[in-house]
Amino acid sequence: MTAPVITAEGIWTAFDGVVVHKDLHLEVHRGEALAIIGSSGSGKTTLLKEMLGLINPCGGTLRVLDADMSALTAARRKEWATRCGVVFQGGALFSALSVFDNVALPVREARWWPEEFLPDLVLVTLRTTGIDVKDARKLPAELSGGMVKRVALARALVLKPELVFMDEPTAGLDPEQRLAVVRLISNLKRVFKLTVVMVTHDVDALIALADRVAVLAEQHIIVAAPLAEVVRLEHPFVQHFFEGQTDRCARPPLRVETRPLLEIPSGTMRSS
């Protein structure tokens, strides 16, 4: 059995004396989509930020892609970051940059792709996520909510990462846009063999995408299991979260329609 992509052991997190995580344990396996659910303020996004190295827990050990997150040097962190993609809640596109430049930004920062070939890489990546070339020069303010999510996905994928983090990837979208984004994520995960960690409140996204669901409650992970097992847990948060939808969640995973994707060119200039 291969080592987990992410291992959190005995994580403690506190801010101004308020404990957010207490003795939290979690593993994420290569190739799976793990969804983290929990009530508002339970520490889901904080855990995601710790996995990204944006904040440090007060105690415990957190390893992501074989790296101890508390011991990364600046040089090692820069290389490590190229192996991860992030889709922030709301997309978090830079408002003053065009769609093209938003997606090109991580490539330029990593300096592993020749500038003269950058348009090919960026435009193919945008097309992979369903964004037309004619939209590449638009600013984020000119995009629909669904297009913003697609551009954010393109930016997360442009470095061909092994691991992608998503914070509420379907939030703020209408039902049709949500379904389109869920289909896209499912397709991208399959084609690029991604490991996905996502925080979501969207039950439809859980049904369609999650191989396992981790429930964050009472300051730790109380269960991490397939959705059909999680919904049977006799816990107040779980019962409230899935109220009226238990039968749907107990069925076999929802299959979403997929379509062939363009292959993103392999990088030839990635530095070690």
Protein backbone atom coordinates (compact mmCIF):
# COMPACT_ATOMS: atom_id res chain seq x y z
CA MET A 1 0.00 0.00 0.00
CA THR A 2 1.34 3.45 -0.93
CA ALA A 3 1.85 6.08 1.74
CA PRO A 4 -1.01 8.59 2.17
CA VAL A 5 -0.72 11.84 0.25
CA ILE A 6 -1.72 13.71 3.42
CA THR A 7 -1.28 12.56 7.01
CA ALA A 8 -2.51 14.66 9.93
CA GLU A 9 -1.63 13.22 13.35
CA GLY A 10 -2.71 14.81 16.62
CA ILE A 11 -3.28 18.29 15.16
CA TRP A 12 -4.04 21.07 17.63
CA THR A 13 -5.02 24.54 16.47
CA ALA A 14 -5.92 27.55 18.60
CA PHE A 15 -6.37 31.27 18.04
CA ASP A 16 -6.30 33.68 20.98
CA GLY A 17 -6.90 30.83 23.36
CA VAL A 18 -9.87 29.42 21.41
CA VAL A 19 -9.25 25.79 20.42
CA VAL A 20 -10.30 25.00 16.84
CA HIS A 21 -8.77 21.54 16.39
CA LYS A 22 -8.03 19.13 19.22
CA ASP A 23 -6.10 15.91 18.55
CA LEU A 24 -7.28 15.77 14.94
CA HIS A 25 -6.30 12.76 12.82
CA LEU A 26 -6.88 12.35 9.08
CA GLU A 27 -5.37 10.57 6.08
CA VAL A 28 -5.93 11.32 2.38
CA HIS A 29 -5.10 8.56 -0.08
CA ARG A 30 -3.62 9.05 -3.54
CA GLY A 31 -6.22 9.32 -6.28
CA GLU A 32 -9.23 9.84 -4.03
CA ALA A 33 -11.58 12.76 -3.64
CA LEU A 34 -12.01 13.48 0.05
CA ALA A 35 -14.71 15.95 1.10
CA ILE A 36 -14.59 17.71 4.46
CA ILE A 37 -17.90 18.78 5.96
CA GLY A 38 -18.74 20.49 9.24
CA SER A 39 -20.77 23.27 10.73
CA SER A 40 -19.89 26.92 10.21
CA GLY A 41 -16.86 27.80 12.34
CA SER A 42 -15.82 24.18 12.86
CA GLY A 43 -12.38 24.77 11.33
CA LYS A 44 -12.75 23.25 7.85
CA THR A 45 -11.10 26.08 5.94
CA THR A 46 -8.48 26.43 8.69
CA LEU A 47 -7.56 22.78 8.17
CA LEU A 48 -7.32 23.38 4.42
CA LYS A 49 -4.99 26.35 5.04
CA GLU A 50 -2.80 24.20 7.28
CA MET A 51 -2.54 21.57 4.56
CA LEU A 52 -1.44 24.35 2.19
CA GLY A 53 1.16 25.62 4.65
CA LEU A 54 -0.54 29.02 4.94
CA ILE A 55 -0.85 28.68 8.71
CA ASN A 56 0.79 26.33 11.20
CA PRO A 57 -1.02 24.21 13.79
CA CYS A 58 0.00 24.60 17.42
CA GLY A 59 0.82 20.92 17.78
CA GLY A 60 0.85 17.58 16.04
CA THR A 61 2.38 16.47 12.75
CA LEU A 62 1.11 17.32 9.28
CA ARG A 63 2.71 15.75 6.21
CA VAL A 64 1.59 16.67 2.69
CA LEU A 65 3.19 15.09 -0.39
CA ASP A 66 5.94 13.57 1.78
CA ALA A 67 6.84 16.96 3.26
CA ASP A 68 6.65 17.86 6.96
CA MET A 69 4.79 21.17 6.70
CA SER A 70 6.49 22.56 9.81
CA ALA A 71 10.00 21.96 8.42
CA LEU A 72 9.83 23.26 4.84
CA THR A 73 12.58 25.70 3.89
CA ALA A 74 11.68 28.62 1.63
CA ALA A 75 13.29 26.94 -1.39
CA ARG A 76 11.66 23.61 -0.66
CA ARG A 77 8.27 25.27 -0.13
CA LYS A 78 8.47 26.93 -3.56
CA GLU A 79 9.09 23.58 -5.26
CA TRP A 80 6.44 21.86 -3.12
CA ALA A 81 3.84 24.46 -4.08
CA THR A 82 4.14 23.56 -7.78
CA ARG A 83 2.75 20.11 -6.94
CA CYS A 84 -0.50 21.52 -5.55
CA GLY A 85 -3.37 23.43 -7.08
CA VAL A 86 -5.91 25.52 -5.17
CA VAL A 87 -9.43 26.64 -6.03
CA PHE A 88 -10.41 29.25 -3.44
CA GLN A 89 -13.99 30.03 -2.49
CA GLY A 90 -15.35 32.55 -4.97
CA GLY A 91 -12.48 31.84 -7.37
CA ALA A 92 -10.19 34.54 -5.92
CA LEU A 93 -9.12 35.72 -9.36
CA PHE A 94 -7.02 38.88 -9.53
CA SER A 95 -9.46 41.56 -10.69
CA ALA A 96 -6.84 43.63 -12.53
CA LEU A 97 -5.51 40.66 -14.52
CA SER A 98 -7.09 39.14 -17.60
CA VAL A 99 -8.26 35.54 -17.67
CA PHE A 100 -5.05 34.64 -19.53
CA ASP A 101 -2.79 36.37 -17.02
CA ASN A 102 -4.61 34.88 -14.03
CA VAL A 103 -3.91 31.38 -15.36
CA ALA A 104 -0.37 32.27 -16.48
CA LEU A 105 0.59 33.72 -13.09
CA PRO A 106 1.58 30.46 -11.30
CA VAL A 107 3.60 29.39 -14.34
CA ARG A 108 5.48 32.66 -14.41
CA GLU A 109 6.13 32.49 -10.68
CA ALA A 110 7.42 28.90 -10.94
CA ARG A 111 9.57 29.75 -14.00
CA TRP A 112 9.42 26.26 -15.47
CA TRP A 113 7.84 27.01 -18.85
CA PRO A 114 9.43 29.18 -21.60
CA GLU A 115 7.56 32.47 -21.99
CA GLU A 116 7.37 32.07 -25.78
CA PHE A 117 5.40 28.83 -25.36
CA LEU A 118 3.24 30.10 -22.50
CA PRO A 119 0.23 31.00 -24.70
CA ASP A 120 -0.02 27.39 -25.88
CA LEU A 121 -0.02 26.05 -22.33
CA VAL A 122 -2.48 28.60 -20.96
CA LEU A 123 -4.95 28.43 -23.83
CA VAL A 124 -5.00 24.64 -23.90
CA THR A 125 -5.59 24.61 -20.14
CA LEU A 126 -8.43 27.12 -20.48
CA ARG A 127 -10.03 25.04 -23.24
CA THR A 128 -9.71 21.97 -21.02
CA THR A 129 -11.92 23.67 -18.44
CA GLY A 130 -14.41 24.89 -21.05
CA ILE A 131 -13.23 28.48 -21.51
CA ASP A 132 -13.13 29.69 -25.10
CA VAL A 133 -9.98 31.34 -26.44
CA LYS A 134 -11.97 34.50 -27.22
CA ASP A 135 -12.59 34.95 -23.48
CA ALA A 136 -8.90 34.85 -22.53
CA ARG A 137 -8.52 38.65 -22.60
CA LYS A 138 -11.59 39.34 -20.49
CA LEU A 139 -11.31 40.61 -16.92
CA PRO A 140 -12.92 38.64 -14.07
CA ALA A 141 -15.68 41.27 -13.75
CA GLU A 142 -16.83 40.36 -17.27
CA LEU A 143 -17.32 36.67 -16.43
CA SER A 144 -20.32 34.74 -15.15
CA GLY A 145 -20.03 32.87 -11.85
CA GLY A 146 -19.62 29.57 -13.65
CA MET A 147 -16.87 30.98 -15.87
CA VAL A 148 -15.02 32.32 -12.81
CA LYS A 149 -15.03 28.80 -11.32
CA ARG A 150 -13.72 27.36 -14.59
CA VAL A 151 -10.90 29.90 -14.81
CA ALA A 152 -10.01 29.20 -11.17
CA LEU A 153 -9.86 25.49 -12.01
CA ALA A 154 -7.63 26.23 -15.00
CA ARG A 155 -5.27 28.24 -12.79
CA ALA A 156 -5.17 25.36 -10.29
CA LEU A 157 -4.38 22.83 -13.03
CA VAL A 158 -1.93 24.70 -15.21
CA LEU A 159 1.16 23.34 -13.39
CA LYS A 160 -0.21 19.79 -13.69
CA PRO A 161 -0.38 19.23 -9.91
CA GLU A 162 -0.75 15.93 -8.10
CA LEU A 163 -3.06 17.35 -5.45
CA VAL A 164 -5.85 19.91 -5.75
CA PHE A 165 -7.56 21.70 -2.85
CA MET A 166 -11.03 23.19 -3.34
CA ASP A 167 -12.94 25.43 -0.93
CA GLU A 168 -16.67 25.38 -1.73
CA PRO A 169 -16.18 24.82 -5.48
CA THR A 170 -19.92 25.10 -6.30
CA ALA A 171 -20.89 27.89 -3.90
CA GLY A 172 -22.84 30.79 -5.38
CA LEU A 173 -23.81 29.02 -8.59
CA ASP A 174 -27.29 28.36 -9.92
CA PRO A 175 -28.35 24.69 -10.27
CA GLU A 176 -27.34 24.43 -13.95
CA GLN A 177 -23.92 25.98 -13.33
CA ARG A 178 -23.38 23.76 -10.27
CA LEU A 179 -24.06 20.63 -12.29
CA ALA A 180 -21.71 21.81 -15.04
CA VAL A 181 -18.90 22.47 -12.55
CA VAL A 182 -19.45 19.10 -10.82
CA ARG A 183 -19.23 17.35 -14.20
CA LEU A 184 -16.07 19.26 -15.03
CA ILE A 185 -14.36 18.42 -11.72
CA SER A 186 -15.29 14.75 -12.10
CA ASN A 187 -13.87 14.70 -15.61
CA LEU A 188 -10.66 16.50 -14.62
CA LYS A 189 -10.08 14.17 -11.66
CA ARG A 190 -10.45 11.12 -13.88
CA VAL A 191 -8.36 12.32 -16.80
CA PHE A 192 -5.50 13.83 -14.78
CA LYS A 193 -5.60 11.23 -11.97
CA LEU A 194 -5.88 13.94 -9.34
CA THR A 195 -6.11 13.65 -5.61
CA VAL A 196 -8.77 16.14 -4.47
CA VAL A 197 -9.47 17.58 -1.03
CA MET A 198 -12.55 19.76 -0.96
CA VAL A 199 -14.60 21.61 1.62
CA THR A 200 -18.26 21.76 0.64
CA HIS A 201 -21.82 22.15 1.89
CA ASP A 202 -23.22 20.92 -1.44
CA VAL A 203 -24.81 17.48 -0.99
CA ASP A 204 -25.04 17.00 -4.78
CA ALA A 205 -21.28 17.56 -5.05
CA LEU A 206 -20.70 15.02 -2.27
CA ILE A 207 -22.83 12.43 -4.02
CA ALA A 208 -21.16 12.97 -7.39
CA LEU A 209 -17.54 13.51 -6.41
CA ALA A 210 -16.57 12.26 -2.95
CA ASP A 211 -14.94 8.87 -2.51
CA ARG A 212 -14.92 9.54 1.24
CA VAL A 213 -16.41 12.18 3.50
CA ALA A 214 -14.63 13.45 6.62
CA VAL A 215 -16.87 15.03 9.26
CA LEU A 216 -15.23 17.75 11.36
CA ALA A 217 -17.16 18.17 14.60
CA GLU A 218 -16.28 18.63 18.26
CA GLN A 219 -12.85 19.93 17.16
CA HIS A 220 -11.72 16.72 15.43
CA ILE A 221 -12.60 14.32 12.62
CA ILE A 222 -15.33 12.10 14.02
CA VAL A 223 -15.55 9.90 10.92
CA ALA A 224 -13.93 9.59 7.48
CA ALA A 225 -15.74 7.05 5.36
CA PRO A 226 -17.79 6.58 2.17
CA LEU A 227 -20.88 8.78 2.08
CA ALA A 228 -23.27 5.82 2.47
CA GLU A 229 -21.63 5.02 5.82
CA VAL A 230 -21.40 8.61 7.01
CA VAL A 231 -25.13 9.30 6.61
CA ARG A 232 -25.91 6.43 8.98
CA LEU A 233 -23.90 7.99 11.81
CA GLU A 234 -26.07 8.90 14.80
CA HIS A 235 -24.61 12.34 15.37
CA PRO A 236 -26.65 15.58 15.59
CA PHE A 237 -24.62 17.45 12.96
CA VAL A 238 -24.67 14.55 10.49
CA GLN A 239 -28.41 14.01 10.90
CA HIS A 240 -29.11 17.73 10.46
CA PHE A 241 -26.75 18.11 7.47
CA PHE A 242 -28.32 15.24 5.53
CA GLU A 243 -31.89 15.74 6.71
CA GLY A 244 -34.29 14.61 4.00
CA GLN A 245 -31.46 13.37 1.76
CA THR A 246 -30.30 10.24 3.56
CA ASP A 247 -31.85 7.88 1.02
CA ARG A 248 -30.14 9.65 -1.89
CA CYS A 249 -26.78 9.54 -0.14
CA ALA A 250 -27.12 5.84 0.72
CA ARG A 251 -27.44 4.87 -2.95
CA PRO A 252 -24.47 4.03 -5.22
CA PRO A 253 -22.44 7.12 -6.22
CA LEU A 254 -24.06 9.34 -8.84
CA ARG A 255 -22.49 8.98 -12.25
CA VAL A 256 -22.02 12.26 -14.05
CA GLU A 257 -21.69 12.64 -17.78
CA THR A 258 -18.12 13.21 -18.92
CA ARG A 259 -16.55 14.13 -22.23
CA PRO A 260 -13.04 13.83 -23.67
CA LEU A 261 -10.64 16.54 -22.54
CA LEU A 262 -7.72 18.15 -24.27
CA GLU A 263 -4.41 17.04 -22.81
CA ILE A 264 -2.38 19.77 -21.13
CA PRO A 265 1.15 19.79 -22.59
CA SER A 266 3.85 18.31 -20.34
CA GLY A 267 6.31 20.81 -18.91
CA THR A 268 9.87 20.54 -20.17
CA MET A 269 11.40 23.33 -18.10
CA ARG A 270 10.28 22.41 -14.58
CA SER A 271 13.18 22.96 -12.22
CA SER A 272 14.04 20.58 -9.40
